[in-house]
C-alpha atoms as a PDB file:
ATOM      1  CA  MET A   1     -33.492 -33.339  -5.251  1.00  0.00           C
ATOM      2  CA  VAL A   2     -34.136 -35.979  -2.655  1.00  0.00           C
ATOM      3  CA  ASP A   3     -31.545 -37.054   0.057  1.00  0.00           C
ATOM      4  CA  LEU A   4     -31.078 -40.488  -0.494  1.00  0.00           C
ATOM      5  CA  TYR A   5     -30.453 -43.308   1.509  1.00  0.00           C
ATOM      6  CA  THR A   6     -26.984 -44.806   0.753  1.00  0.00           C
ATOM      7  CA  ARG A   7     -24.525 -47.441   1.935  1.00  0.00           C
ATOM      8  CA  VAL A   8     -20.769 -47.978   0.672  1.00  0.00           C
ATOM      9  CA  ARG A   9     -19.825 -51.899   0.106  1.00  0.00           C
ATOM     10  CA  GLY A  10     -15.860 -52.968  -0.668  1.00  0.00           C
ATOM     11  CA  GLU A  11     -13.197 -50.978   0.034  1.00  0.00           C
ATOM     12  CA  ASN A  12     -10.389 -51.204  -3.173  1.00  0.00           C
ATOM     13  CA  GLY A  13     -11.097 -50.772  -6.910  1.00  0.00           C
ATOM     14  CA  PRO A  14     -13.338 -48.368  -8.702  1.00  0.00           C
ATOM     15  CA  TRP A  15     -16.318 -46.461  -8.071  1.00  0.00           C
ATOM     16  CA  LEU A  16     -19.436 -48.452  -9.044  1.00  0.00           C
ATOM     17  CA  VAL A  17     -23.199 -47.252  -8.086  1.00  0.00           C
ATOM     18  CA  MET A  18     -26.047 -49.704  -7.678  1.00  0.00           C
ATOM     19  CA  LEU A  19     -29.372 -49.015  -8.234  1.00  0.00           C
ATOM     20  CA  HIS A  20     -32.666 -51.696  -8.427  1.00  0.00           C
ATOM     21  CA  GLY A  21     -35.484 -51.683 -10.066  1.00  0.00           C
ATOM     22  CA  LEU A  22     -39.321 -51.048  -9.277  1.00  0.00           C
ATOM     23  CA  PHE A  23     -40.581 -51.766  -6.033  1.00  0.00           C
ATOM     24  CA  GLY A  24     -37.671 -52.380  -4.149  1.00  0.00           C
ATOM     25  CA  SER A  25     -34.944 -51.324  -2.338  1.00  0.00           C
ATOM     26  CA  GLY A  26     -30.699 -51.663  -2.520  1.00  0.00           C
ATOM     27  CA  ASP A  27     -31.089 -55.045  -0.508  1.00  0.00           C
ATOM     28  CA  ASN A  28     -32.298 -56.761  -3.166  1.00  0.00           C
ATOM     29  CA  LEU A  29     -28.514 -56.048  -5.332  1.00  0.00           C
ATOM     30  CA  GLY A  30     -27.253 -58.043  -1.748  1.00  0.00           C
ATOM     31  CA  GLY A  31     -26.579 -61.370  -4.112  1.00  0.00           C
ATOM     32  CA  LEU A  32     -24.473 -59.236  -6.993  1.00  0.00           C
ATOM     33  CA  VAL A  33     -23.227 -56.728  -4.391  1.00  0.00           C
ATOM     34  CA  ARG A  34     -21.454 -59.763  -2.332  1.00  0.00           C
ATOM     35  CA  LEU A  35     -19.648 -61.176  -5.614  1.00  0.00           C
ATOM     36  CA  LEU A  36     -18.736 -57.487  -6.466  1.00  0.00           C
ATOM     37  CA  GLU A  37     -17.341 -55.698  -3.379  1.00  0.00           C
ATOM     38  CA  ARG A  38     -13.882 -57.228  -3.286  1.00  0.00           C
ATOM     39  CA  ASP A  39     -13.277 -55.396  -6.701  1.00  0.00           C
ATOM     40  CA  PHE A  40     -15.213 -52.220  -6.409  1.00  0.00           C
ATOM     41  CA  ARG A  41     -16.317 -49.615  -4.095  1.00  0.00           C
ATOM     42  CA  ILE A  42     -20.323 -49.478  -4.377  1.00  0.00           C
ATOM     43  CA  LEU A  43     -22.400 -46.952  -3.565  1.00  0.00           C
ATOM     44  CA  LEU A  44     -26.152 -48.243  -2.996  1.00  0.00           C
ATOM     45  CA  VAL A  45     -28.587 -46.609  -2.826  1.00  0.00           C
ATOM     46  CA  ASP A  46     -32.706 -46.638  -2.311  1.00  0.00           C
ATOM     47  CA  GLN A  47     -34.242 -44.628  -4.602  1.00  0.00           C
ATOM     48  CA  ARG A  48     -36.681 -41.983  -4.439  1.00  0.00           C
ATOM     49  CA  ASN A  49     -39.653 -43.785  -2.813  1.00  0.00           C
ATOM     50  CA  HIS A  50     -38.874 -46.966  -2.451  1.00  0.00           C
ATOM     51  CA  GLY A  51     -36.699 -48.600   1.013  1.00  0.00           C
ATOM     52  CA  ARG A  52     -34.945 -45.805   3.492  1.00  0.00           C
ATOM     53  CA  SER A  53     -35.454 -43.582   0.798  1.00  0.00           C
ATOM     54  CA  PRO A  54     -37.426 -39.963   1.308  1.00  0.00           C
ATOM     55  CA  HIS A  55     -41.097 -39.321  -0.341  1.00  0.00           C
ATOM     56  CA  ALA A  56     -41.387 -37.734  -3.204  1.00  0.00           C
ATOM     57  CA  PRO A  57     -44.447 -36.742  -5.182  1.00  0.00           C
ATOM     58  CA  THR A  58     -43.090 -37.093  -8.150  1.00  0.00           C
ATOM     59  CA  MET A  59     -40.424 -39.691 -10.260  1.00  0.00           C
ATOM     60  CA  THR A  60     -39.188 -39.068 -13.776  1.00  0.00           C
ATOM     61  CA  TYR A  61     -36.303 -40.523 -14.582  1.00  0.00           C
ATOM     62  CA  LEU A  62     -34.690 -37.260 -14.600  1.00  0.00           C
ATOM     63  CA  GLU A  63     -35.287 -36.235 -10.749  1.00  0.00           C
ATOM     64  CA  MET A  64     -33.887 -39.871 -10.615  1.00  0.00           C
ATOM     65  CA  ALA A  65     -30.355 -39.147 -12.055  1.00  0.00           C
ATOM     66  CA  GLN A  66     -30.005 -36.293  -9.942  1.00  0.00           C
ATOM     67  CA  ASP A  67     -30.784 -37.931  -6.680  1.00  0.00           C
ATOM     68  CA  VAL A  68     -28.092 -40.323  -7.397  1.00  0.00           C
ATOM     69  CA  PHE A  69     -25.472 -37.642  -8.307  1.00  0.00           C
ATOM     70  CA  ALA A  70     -26.386 -35.484  -5.087  1.00  0.00           C
ATOM     71  CA  ALA A  71     -25.633 -38.823  -3.304  1.00  0.00           C
ATOM     72  CA  MET A  72     -22.359 -39.323  -5.287  1.00  0.00           C
ATOM     73  CA  ASP A  73     -21.395 -35.586  -5.063  1.00  0.00           C
ATOM     74  CA  LYS A  74     -21.404 -36.511  -0.982  1.00  0.00           C
ATOM     75  CA  GLU A  75     -19.411 -38.905  -0.997  1.00  0.00           C
ATOM     76  CA  GLY A  76     -16.752 -37.068  -3.540  1.00  0.00           C
ATOM     77  CA  ILE A  77     -17.221 -39.396  -6.248  1.00  0.00           C
ATOM     78  CA  THR A  78     -16.960 -37.836  -9.312  1.00  0.00           C
ATOM     79  CA  HIS A  79     -17.597 -40.295 -12.307  1.00  0.00           C
ATOM     80  CA  ALA A  80     -18.527 -44.002 -11.265  1.00  0.00           C
ATOM     81  CA  ASN A  81     -19.613 -47.308 -13.225  1.00  0.00           C
ATOM     82  CA  VAL A  82     -23.248 -47.645 -12.795  1.00  0.00           C
ATOM     83  CA  PHE A  83     -25.114 -50.512 -12.979  1.00  0.00           C
ATOM     84  CA  GLY A  84     -29.059 -50.577 -12.947  1.00  0.00           C
ATOM     85  CA  HIS A  85     -31.602 -53.070 -13.139  1.00  0.00           C
ATOM     86  CA  SER A  86     -34.962 -52.017 -14.843  1.00  0.00           C
ATOM     87  CA  MET A  87     -36.164 -48.894 -13.255  1.00  0.00           C
ATOM     88  CA  GLY A  88     -32.419 -48.570 -12.068  1.00  0.00           C
ATOM     89  CA  GLY A  89     -31.448 -49.175 -15.383  1.00  0.00           C
ATOM     90  CA  LYS A  90     -33.822 -46.414 -16.855  1.00  0.00           C
ATOM     91  CA  ALA A  91     -32.241 -44.207 -14.349  1.00  0.00           C
ATOM     92  CA  ALA A  92     -28.780 -45.169 -15.005  1.00  0.00           C
ATOM     93  CA  MET A  93     -29.369 -44.650 -19.139  1.00  0.00           C
ATOM     94  CA  THR A  94     -30.644 -41.442 -18.280  1.00  0.00           C
ATOM     95  CA  MET A  95     -27.236 -40.666 -15.867  1.00  0.00           C
ATOM     96  CA  ALA A  96     -24.673 -41.272 -18.655  1.00  0.00           C
ATOM     97  CA  LEU A  97     -27.604 -39.478 -21.228  1.00  0.00           C
ATOM     98  CA  SER A  98     -27.437 -36.321 -19.507  1.00  0.00           C
ATOM     99  CA  LYS A  99     -24.022 -36.145 -17.819  1.00  0.00           C
ATOM    100  CA  PRO A 100     -21.686 -38.708 -19.525  1.00  0.00           C
ATOM    101  CA  SER A 101     -18.612 -37.292 -17.855  1.00  0.00           C
ATOM    102  CA  ARG A 102     -19.942 -39.300 -14.252  1.00  0.00           C
ATOM    103  CA  VAL A 103     -19.926 -42.085 -16.032  1.00  0.00           C
ATOM    104  CA  SER A 104     -17.566 -44.313 -16.576  1.00  0.00           C
ATOM    105  CA  LYS A 105     -19.590 -47.252 -18.087  1.00  0.00           C
ATOM    106  CA  LEU A 106     -22.852 -47.981 -17.903  1.00  0.00           C
ATOM    107  CA  VAL A 107     -24.842 -52.077 -17.082  1.00  0.00           C
ATOM    108  CA  VAL A 108     -28.280 -52.420 -17.734  1.00  0.00           C
ATOM    109  CA  GLY A 109     -30.094 -55.227 -16.265  1.00  0.00           C
ATOM    110  CA  ASP A 110     -33.030 -56.361 -18.758  1.00  0.00           C
ATOM    111  CA  ILE A 111     -34.304 -53.348 -19.852  1.00  0.00           C
ATOM    112  CA  ALA A 112     -34.401 -51.193 -23.114  1.00  0.00           C
ATOM    113  CA  PRO A 113     -34.907 -47.710 -23.698  1.00  0.00           C
ATOM    114  CA  VAL A 114     -38.761 -47.796 -24.665  1.00  0.00           C
ATOM    115  CA  PRO A 115     -41.581 -47.053 -23.321  1.00  0.00           C
ATOM    116  CA  TYR A 116     -43.217 -50.279 -21.702  1.00  0.00           C
ATOM    117  CA  THR A 117     -47.202 -50.632 -21.431  1.00  0.00           C
ATOM    118  CA  GLY A 118     -48.402 -53.071 -19.056  1.00  0.00           C
ATOM    119  CA  HIS A 119     -45.881 -55.186 -17.268  1.00  0.00           C
ATOM    120  CA  HIS A 120     -47.262 -54.149 -13.943  1.00  0.00           C
ATOM    121  CA  ASP A 121     -50.738 -53.627 -14.367  1.00  0.00           C
ATOM    122  CA  ARG A 122     -52.082 -56.978 -12.288  1.00  0.00           C
ATOM    123  CA  ILE A 123     -48.955 -56.489  -9.458  1.00  0.00           C
ATOM    124  CA  LEU A 124     -50.385 -52.693  -9.065  1.00  0.00           C
ATOM    125  CA  GLU A 125     -54.128 -53.830  -8.282  1.00  0.00           C
ATOM    126  CA  GLY A 126     -52.583 -56.644  -5.734  1.00  0.00           C
ATOM    127  CA  LEU A 127     -50.500 -53.408  -3.923  1.00  0.00           C
ATOM    128  CA  GLN A 128     -53.315 -51.144  -3.775  1.00  0.00           C
ATOM    129  CA  ALA A 129     -56.065 -54.317  -2.564  1.00  0.00           C
ATOM    130  CA  VAL A 130     -53.296 -55.171  -0.183  1.00  0.00           C
ATOM    131  CA  ALA A 131     -53.241 -50.666   1.140  1.00  0.00           C
ATOM    132  CA  ASP A 132     -57.002 -51.417   1.196  1.00  0.00           C
ATOM    133  CA  ALA A 133     -57.504 -53.972   3.388  1.00  0.00           C
ATOM    134  CA  ALA A 134     -54.875 -53.115   5.429  1.00  0.00           C
ATOM    135  CA  PRO A 135     -53.577 -56.415   6.892  1.00  0.00           C
ATOM    136  CA  PRO A 136     -52.061 -56.023  10.183  1.00  0.00           C
ATOM    137  CA  ALA A 137     -49.155 -58.620   9.349  1.00  0.00           C
ATOM    138  CA  ARG A 138     -47.588 -60.141   6.241  1.00  0.00           C
ATOM    139  CA  ALA A 139     -48.918 -63.117   6.267  1.00  0.00           C
ATOM    140  CA  GLY A 140     -52.558 -61.235   5.366  1.00  0.00           C
ATOM    141  CA  ALA A 141     -51.155 -58.945   3.102  1.00  0.00           C
ATOM    142  CA  GLN A 142     -49.374 -61.990   1.235  1.00  0.00           C
ATOM    143  CA  VAL A 143     -52.904 -64.201   1.217  1.00  0.00           C
ATOM    144  CA  ILE A 144     -54.115 -60.759  -0.956  1.00  0.00           C
ATOM    145  CA  LEU A 145     -50.987 -60.295  -2.475  1.00  0.00           C
ATOM    146  CA  ASP A 146     -51.128 -63.913  -3.782  1.00  0.00           C
ATOM    147  CA  GLY A 147     -54.370 -63.482  -6.202  1.00  0.00           C
ATOM    148  CA  TYR A 148     -52.429 -61.002  -8.277  1.00  0.00           C
ATOM    149  CA  VAL A 149     -48.889 -62.638  -7.925  1.00  0.00           C
ATOM    150  CA  ASP A 150     -48.366 -65.839 -10.179  1.00  0.00           C
ATOM    151  CA  GLU A 151     -44.312 -66.138 -10.058  1.00  0.00           C
ATOM    152  CA  ALA A 152     -43.355 -67.404  -6.084  1.00  0.00           C
ATOM    153  CA  GLY A 153     -40.166 -64.816  -6.035  1.00  0.00           C
ATOM    154  CA  VAL A 154     -42.070 -61.505  -7.201  1.00  0.00           C
ATOM    155  CA  LEU A 155     -44.170 -62.262  -4.826  1.00  0.00           C
ATOM    156  CA  ASN A 156     -41.755 -62.725  -1.836  1.00  0.00           C
ATOM    157  CA  PHE A 157     -39.963 -59.646  -3.255  1.00  0.00           C
ATOM    158  CA  LEU A 158     -42.950 -57.293  -3.296  1.00  0.00           C
ATOM    159  CA  MET A 159     -43.758 -58.534   0.675  1.00  0.00           C
ATOM    160  CA  THR A 160     -40.625 -57.476   1.797  1.00  0.00           C
ATOM    161  CA  ASN A 161     -42.007 -53.648   1.834  1.00  0.00           C
ATOM    162  CA  TRP A 162     -45.313 -54.731   3.757  1.00  0.00           C
ATOM    163  CA  ARG A 163     -43.993 -53.258   7.087  1.00  0.00           C
ATOM    164  CA  ARG A 164     -44.769 -51.983  10.225  1.00  0.00           C
ATOM    165  CA  GLN A 165     -44.812 -48.267  10.079  1.00  0.00           C
ATOM    166  CA  PRO A 166     -43.543 -45.902  12.599  1.00  0.00           C
ATOM    167  CA  ASP A 167     -47.256 -44.740  13.866  1.00  0.00           C
ATOM    168  CA  GLU A 168     -47.436 -48.490  14.062  1.00  0.00           C
ATOM    169  CA  LYS A 169     -50.079 -49.368  11.751  1.00  0.00           C
ATOM    170  CA  TRP A 170     -49.089 -51.763   8.595  1.00  0.00           C
ATOM    171  CA  GLY A 171     -48.529 -50.299   5.370  1.00  0.00           C
ATOM    172  CA  TRP A 172     -46.218 -50.647   1.835  1.00  0.00           C
ATOM    173  CA  ARG A 173     -42.850 -49.164   2.509  1.00  0.00           C
ATOM    174  CA  MET A 174     -42.630 -47.498  -1.022  1.00  0.00           C
ATOM    175  CA  ASN A 175     -44.700 -44.807  -1.717  1.00  0.00           C
ATOM    176  CA  LEU A 176     -47.158 -46.849  -3.582  1.00  0.00           C
ATOM    177  CA  ASP A 177     -49.835 -43.754  -4.239  1.00  0.00           C
ATOM    178  CA  VAL A 178     -46.775 -41.879  -6.072  1.00  0.00           C
ATOM    179  CA  ILE A 179     -46.291 -45.221  -7.993  1.00  0.00           C
ATOM    180  CA  LEU A 180     -49.327 -45.582  -9.121  1.00  0.00           C
ATOM    181  CA  SER A 181     -50.183 -41.356 -10.279  1.00  0.00           C
ATOM    182  CA  ARG A 182     -46.721 -40.852 -11.930  1.00  0.00           C
ATOM    183  CA  TYR A 183     -46.710 -44.837 -13.326  1.00  0.00           C
ATOM    184  CA  SER A 184     -46.461 -43.000 -17.018  1.00  0.00           C
ATOM    185  CA  ASP A 185     -43.125 -41.257 -16.005  1.00  0.00           C
ATOM    186  CA  ILE A 186     -41.864 -45.050 -14.788  1.00  0.00           C
ATOM    187  CA  ALA A 187     -43.129 -46.508 -17.511  1.00  0.00           C
ATOM    188  CA  ALA A 188     -41.439 -44.019 -20.274  1.00  0.00           C
ATOM    189  CA  GLY A 189     -38.527 -44.258 -22.682  1.00  0.00           C
ATOM    190  CA  MET A 190     -35.326 -42.183 -22.638  1.00  0.00           C
ATOM    191  CA  ALA A 191     -35.075 -38.789 -24.068  1.00  0.00           C
ATOM    192  CA  ASP A 192     -32.883 -38.031 -26.776  1.00  0.00           C
ATOM    193  CA  GLY A 193     -29.336 -37.775 -26.449  1.00  0.00           C
ATOM    194  CA  VAL A 194     -26.263 -40.024 -26.917  1.00  0.00           C
ATOM    195  CA  TYR A 195     -23.938 -41.449 -24.492  1.00  0.00           C
ATOM    196  CA  ALA A 196     -20.700 -42.602 -26.774  1.00  0.00           C
ATOM    197  CA  GLY A 197     -18.809 -44.945 -23.420  1.00  0.00           C
ATOM    198  CA  PRO A 198     -19.300 -48.523 -23.602  1.00  0.00           C
ATOM    199  CA  VAL A 199     -22.438 -50.020 -22.660  1.00  0.00           C
ATOM    200  CA  LEU A 200     -23.873 -53.634 -21.717  1.00  0.00           C
ATOM    201  CA  PHE A 201     -27.470 -54.451 -21.697  1.00  0.00           C
ATOM    202  CA  LEU A 202     -27.637 -57.972 -19.738  1.00  0.00           C
ATOM    203  CA  ARG A 203     -30.538 -59.609 -20.999  1.00  0.00           C
ATOM    204  CA  GLY A 204     -32.754 -62.266 -19.166  1.00  0.00           C
ATOM    205  CA  GLY A 205     -32.824 -65.207 -22.005  1.00  0.00           C
ATOM    206  CA  ASN A 206     -36.754 -66.112 -20.405  1.00  0.00           C
ATOM    207  CA  SER A 207     -37.561 -62.893 -20.581  1.00  0.00           C
ATOM    208  CA  ASP A 208     -39.213 -59.915 -23.231  1.00  0.00           C
ATOM    209  CA  TYR A 209     -37.984 -57.004 -22.249  1.00  0.00           C
ATOM    210  CA  ILE A 210     -35.536 -57.007 -24.708  1.00  0.00           C
ATOM    211  CA  GLN A 211     -36.389 -57.362 -27.829  1.00  0.00           C
ATOM    212  CA  ALA A 212     -35.008 -57.590 -31.818  1.00  0.00           C
ATOM    213  CA  SER A 213     -36.963 -54.510 -32.264  1.00  0.00           C
ATOM    214  CA  HIS A 214     -35.196 -52.366 -29.754  1.00  0.00           C
ATOM    215  CA  ARG A 215     -32.266 -52.540 -31.052  1.00  0.00           C
ATOM    216  CA  GLU A 216     -32.476 -49.207 -32.993  1.00  0.00           C
ATOM    217  CA  ARG A 217     -33.370 -47.305 -30.138  1.00  0.00           C
ATOM    218  CA  ILE A 218     -30.658 -48.458 -28.532  1.00  0.00           C
ATOM    219  CA  LEU A 219     -27.677 -48.184 -30.896  1.00  0.00           C
ATOM    220  CA  ALA A 220     -29.299 -44.207 -31.581  1.00  0.00           C
ATOM    221  CA  LEU A 221     -28.828 -43.358 -27.699  1.00  0.00           C
ATOM    222  CA  PHE A 222     -25.613 -45.874 -27.033  1.00  0.00           C
ATOM    223  CA  PRO A 223     -23.702 -46.313 -30.055  1.00  0.00           C
ATOM    224  CA  ALA A 224     -20.921 -48.519 -28.353  1.00  0.00           C
ATOM    225  CA  ALA A 225     -23.845 -51.159 -26.802  1.00  0.00           C
ATOM    226  CA  THR A 226     -23.175 -54.375 -26.188  1.00  0.00           C
ATOM    227  CA  VAL A 227     -25.942 -57.120 -25.073  1.00  0.00           C
ATOM    228  CA  LYS A 228     -25.836 -60.367 -24.158  1.00  0.00           C
ATOM    229  CA  THR A 229     -27.946 -62.800 -22.371  1.00  0.00           C
ATOM    230  CA  ILE A 230     -27.965 -64.465 -19.663  1.00  0.00           C
ATOM    231  CA  GLY A 231     -29.982 -67.941 -20.077  1.00  0.00           C
ATOM    232  CA  GLY A 232     -32.180 -70.192 -17.822  1.00  0.00           C
ATOM    233  CA  THR A 233     -33.457 -66.218 -16.211  1.00  0.00           C
ATOM    234  CA  GLY A 234     -36.655 -63.403 -16.405  1.00  0.00           C
ATOM    235  CA  HIS A 235     -36.729 -60.095 -15.654  1.00  0.00           C
ATOM    236  CA  TRP A 236     -34.663 -60.918 -12.118  1.00  0.00           C
ATOM    237  CA  LEU A 237     -31.473 -62.068 -13.896  1.00  0.00           C
ATOM    238  CA  HIS A 238     -29.488 -61.152 -10.993  1.00  0.00           C
ATOM    239  CA  ALA A 239     -31.165 -63.249  -8.598  1.00  0.00           C
ATOM    240  CA  GLU A 240     -32.141 -65.620 -10.284  1.00  0.00           C
ATOM    241  CA  LYS A 241     -27.933 -66.275 -11.635  1.00  0.00           C
ATOM    242  CA  PRO A 242     -26.059 -63.684  -9.500  1.00  0.00           C
ATOM    243  CA  ASP A 243     -22.692 -65.794 -10.069  1.00  0.00           C
ATOM    244  CA  MET A 244     -23.511 -65.554 -14.015  1.00  0.00           C
ATOM    245  CA  VAL A 245     -24.638 -62.167 -13.783  1.00  0.00           C
ATOM    246  CA  GLY A 246     -21.875 -60.705 -11.402  1.00  0.00           C
ATOM    247  CA  ARG A 247     -18.671 -62.165 -13.640  1.00  0.00           C
ATOM    248  CA  SER A 248     -20.438 -60.501 -16.813  1.00  0.00           C
ATOM    249  CA  VAL A 249     -20.724 -57.163 -14.695  1.00  0.00           C
ATOM    250  CA  LYS A 250     -17.510 -57.149 -13.580  1.00  0.00           C
ATOM    251  CA  ASN A 251     -15.345 -58.245 -16.321  1.00  0.00           C
ATOM    252  CA  PHE A 252     -17.433 -55.742 -18.464  1.00  0.00           C
ATOM    253  CA  LEU A 253     -16.180 -53.236 -15.838  1.00  0.00           C
ATOM    254  CA  GLU A 254     -12.434 -54.103 -15.768  1.00  0.00           C
ATOM    255  CA  GLN A 255     -11.690 -54.292 -20.022  1.00  0.00           C
ATOM    256  CA  ARG A 256     -10.107 -51.688 -21.361  1.00  0.00           C
ATOM    257  CA  THR A 257     -11.602 -49.669 -23.592  1.00  0.00           C
ATOM    258  CA  ALA A 258      -9.192 -48.135 -26.897  1.00  0.00           C
END
């Protein structure tokens, strides 16, 4: 178990745990947090090997779920709503499947409970190229990574991780070595189980991460799940249209259940 870096936002309403995606940190959910903190008490998490949280040699989804449960315990949170994007969505799904009583409602951002292949190959090559060159500033790192990443928004997001380290050398804040060596765990699908509580999958209209062929697996694990498409967005739907995503999350979490 890793003692995660967390922060609490908001003072009223039910608890909402928020989990970022691969290469990110809780900071990347800031736009969404600002829209939701008036109505929820938010536990914002940096997952293991990301952000300000400690590095660890492994990163299975069961381990990541256990990390978050421990963070909830430290805040005295017995159960909470959970939102997760991409890798964070898989960690959130694992939380619901492994300890369903601790997850009130679940919102999954643009990821399905299935294995994926090839989505990050070029990005990982670029991150390694930057690490090998070790330019002593963000500008030099961006020049290298630009040759591997086509989307400006993704490039800018990744560059927030290139920082001066405690030893004064520049490097990635994320644990790139473990992400590379354990990528098969990150790309894996969900283990069997059933979470019968309310689940909302938010799909980017221009994204291919949630497909019609995933419906059977989604409903096998989450029989009460619904899927909503956020038009005009890709995989980073919460960054592209935070207002629409925020309203969708809020409306779903505030719906009364039978």
